[in-house]
């Protein structure tokens, strides 16, 4: 029985898995990271709503920079949460208050673990918020498509979705509307 050769990672090797730029999120010490954090703060409610629960809890408590660092460091992994708040804070790299620590523990598995969302998953969610913000701001579909690496067809679907979400409910769906005669 033969097996496929295992991938080598030499000093000069450019194997894709060895490079962090496929994670989708900028490096924490970069100006892009600071810009992303500002974007998240500017669109706080929408961004928090788009994040998986662990990321949203950490972002709401420790800020978006702390959440992005957590996701870059531990994203895509199952992480054990110590029962002690201080030990848990050290493990996550985020100072936790008692209520947040309790919420994380309450939602942890029976083994005391939580799934940290992948950096790519968080990136895709943030990109969708940014695309919607650009569409709402009236930027052309061609400009948005080129800026975010999506097709104009994708943007038409997003625009339709935004219009549906922004449209007020029909009178027949409104419980406070006066009955029609």
Foldseek 3Di string as FASTA:
>chain_A
DDDDDDDDDDPPDPPPVVDLVVLLADDLVDPSNVVLQVVCVVVVVQLLVLDDPVLSLQCVPANNSLSLVLQSVQAQHKDAADPDQVVNCVRSVGRDDPVSSVVQQVPADPRRIDHHHHSNSSNVSSLLVVLLVCVVVPDDLVVSCVVSVHDSVVSVVSVVVVCVVPDDDDLVPDPPHDDDD
